[in-house]
């Protein structure tokens, strides 16, 4: 596979800038339970107790999984009273779409950068 020189440079710059984030995201999603949590949160905010009902795990195990999703910036959390509410981070989702699009179509990285 070959890319036009300017597209390849912008593509490589994008990957270099986002490498650590991308690795954390893919690592977090590689575990089926965490992937399932992300797909559940696609339907909207959920509390830790609501998420826990869908799995046969302890609360500390769920907390560990949620921490990995938060550290990967896939999920945002907010404490409301005694509950913690979780939701997907739309900025990271868009970032991942942009990175995957650049991988699939590096020639579009040029036109996206020029539009900014």
Protein backbone atom coordinates (compact mmCIF):
# COMPACT_ATOMS: atom_id res chain seq x y z
CA UNK A 1 0.00 0.00 0.00
CA UNK A 2 1.43 3.39 -0.93
CA UNK A 3 0.24 6.86 0.02
CA UNK A 4 0.81 10.24 -1.57
CA UNK A 5 3.80 11.80 0.26
CA UNK A 6 1.88 14.60 1.98
CA UNK A 7 -0.98 12.30 3.01
CA UNK A 8 1.49 9.76 4.38
CA UNK A 9 3.25 12.43 6.44
CA UNK A 10 0.03 13.75 7.91
CA UNK A 11 -1.16 10.20 8.54
CA UNK A 12 2.05 9.35 10.40
CA UNK A 13 1.88 12.61 12.37
CA UNK A 14 -1.67 11.80 13.43
CA UNK A 15 -0.71 8.29 14.53
CA UNK A 16 2.33 9.55 16.42
CA UNK A 17 0.29 12.16 18.29
CA UNK A 18 -2.43 9.69 19.20
CA UNK A 19 -0.39 6.51 19.69
CA UNK A 20 -0.61 6.25 23.50
CA UNK A 21 -4.31 7.08 23.53
CA UNK A 22 -5.04 4.59 20.78
CA UNK A 23 -3.14 1.84 22.57
CA UNK A 24 -5.05 2.48 25.81
CA UNK A 25 -8.38 2.42 23.98
CA UNK A 26 -7.68 -0.82 22.16
CA UNK A 27 -6.32 -2.43 25.32
CA UNK A 28 -9.44 -1.41 27.22
CA UNK A 29 -11.75 -2.72 24.49
CA UNK A 30 -9.82 -5.98 24.09
CA UNK A 31 -11.48 -7.44 27.18
CA UNK A 32 -15.03 -8.63 26.28
CA UNK A 33 -16.64 -7.36 29.49
CA UNK A 34 -15.30 -3.84 28.99
CA UNK A 35 -16.35 -3.90 25.35
CA UNK A 36 -19.85 -4.91 26.46
CA UNK A 37 -19.92 -2.07 29.00
CA UNK A 38 -19.06 0.40 26.25
CA UNK A 39 -21.84 -0.96 24.04
CA UNK A 40 -24.28 -0.70 26.96
CA UNK A 41 -23.28 2.92 27.56
CA UNK A 42 -24.02 3.67 23.89
CA UNK A 43 -27.67 3.67 25.01
CA UNK A 44 -27.03 6.42 27.57
CA UNK A 45 -25.80 7.08 31.10
CA UNK A 46 -25.80 4.23 33.58
CA UNK A 47 -24.97 3.96 37.25
CA UNK A 48 -22.40 1.51 38.55
CA UNK A 49 -25.17 -0.53 40.15
CA UNK A 50 -27.09 -0.70 36.85
CA UNK A 51 -23.98 -1.91 35.03
CA UNK A 52 -23.18 -4.40 37.79
CA UNK A 53 -26.58 -6.11 37.31
CA UNK A 54 -25.46 -7.29 33.87
CA UNK A 55 -22.36 -9.12 35.08
CA UNK A 56 -21.50 -11.83 37.56
CA UNK A 57 -18.60 -9.87 39.11
CA UNK A 58 -17.91 -8.08 42.35
CA UNK A 59 -18.15 -4.32 42.74
CA UNK A 60 -14.34 -3.96 43.07
CA UNK A 61 -13.87 -5.87 39.80
CA UNK A 62 -16.32 -3.56 38.06
CA UNK A 63 -14.56 -0.54 39.55
CA UNK A 64 -11.27 -1.79 38.11
CA UNK A 65 -12.82 -2.20 34.66
CA UNK A 66 -14.43 1.24 34.84
CA UNK A 67 -11.10 2.80 35.88
CA UNK A 68 -9.44 1.31 32.78
CA UNK A 69 -12.22 2.71 30.56
CA UNK A 70 -11.91 6.12 32.23
CA UNK A 71 -8.10 6.09 31.94
CA UNK A 72 -8.51 5.27 28.23
CA UNK A 73 -10.79 8.32 28.05
CA UNK A 74 -13.60 6.20 26.58
CA UNK A 75 -15.88 6.83 29.55
CA UNK A 76 -16.63 9.85 31.71
CA UNK A 77 -17.90 9.53 35.25
CA UNK A 78 -19.81 11.83 37.57
CA UNK A 79 -20.68 11.31 41.21
CA UNK A 80 -24.30 12.13 42.02
CA UNK A 81 -24.96 11.63 45.72
CA UNK A 82 -23.86 8.11 46.55
CA UNK A 83 -24.04 6.93 42.94
CA UNK A 84 -21.47 7.17 40.18
CA UNK A 85 -22.91 7.73 36.72
CA UNK A 86 -20.98 6.67 33.64
CA UNK A 87 -21.32 7.79 30.04
CA UNK A 88 -19.34 7.50 26.83
CA UNK A 89 -16.89 10.26 26.03
CA UNK A 90 -18.02 11.55 22.62
CA UNK A 91 -14.72 13.36 22.00
CA UNK A 92 -12.71 10.15 22.29
CA UNK A 93 -15.18 8.29 20.11
CA UNK A 94 -14.79 10.95 17.43
CA UNK A 95 -11.02 10.81 17.85
CA UNK A 96 -11.09 7.06 17.27
CA UNK A 97 -13.29 7.50 14.19
CA UNK A 98 -10.81 10.05 12.85
CA UNK A 99 -7.81 7.79 13.48
CA UNK A 100 -9.46 4.73 11.96
CA UNK A 101 -10.57 6.78 8.96
CA UNK A 102 -6.99 8.00 8.52
CA UNK A 103 -5.78 4.41 8.60
CA UNK A 104 -8.35 3.30 6.06
CA UNK A 105 -8.18 6.43 3.87
CA UNK A 106 -4.91 8.28 4.50
CA UNK A 107 -5.57 10.52 1.52
CA UNK A 108 -8.47 12.13 3.45
CA UNK A 109 -6.10 13.27 6.22
CA UNK A 110 -4.92 16.01 3.84
CA UNK A 111 -8.37 17.39 3.12
CA UNK A 112 -9.42 17.21 6.79
CA UNK A 113 -6.33 19.17 7.90
CA UNK A 114 -6.77 21.74 5.12
CA UNK A 115 -10.40 22.34 6.16
CA UNK A 116 -9.25 23.39 9.66
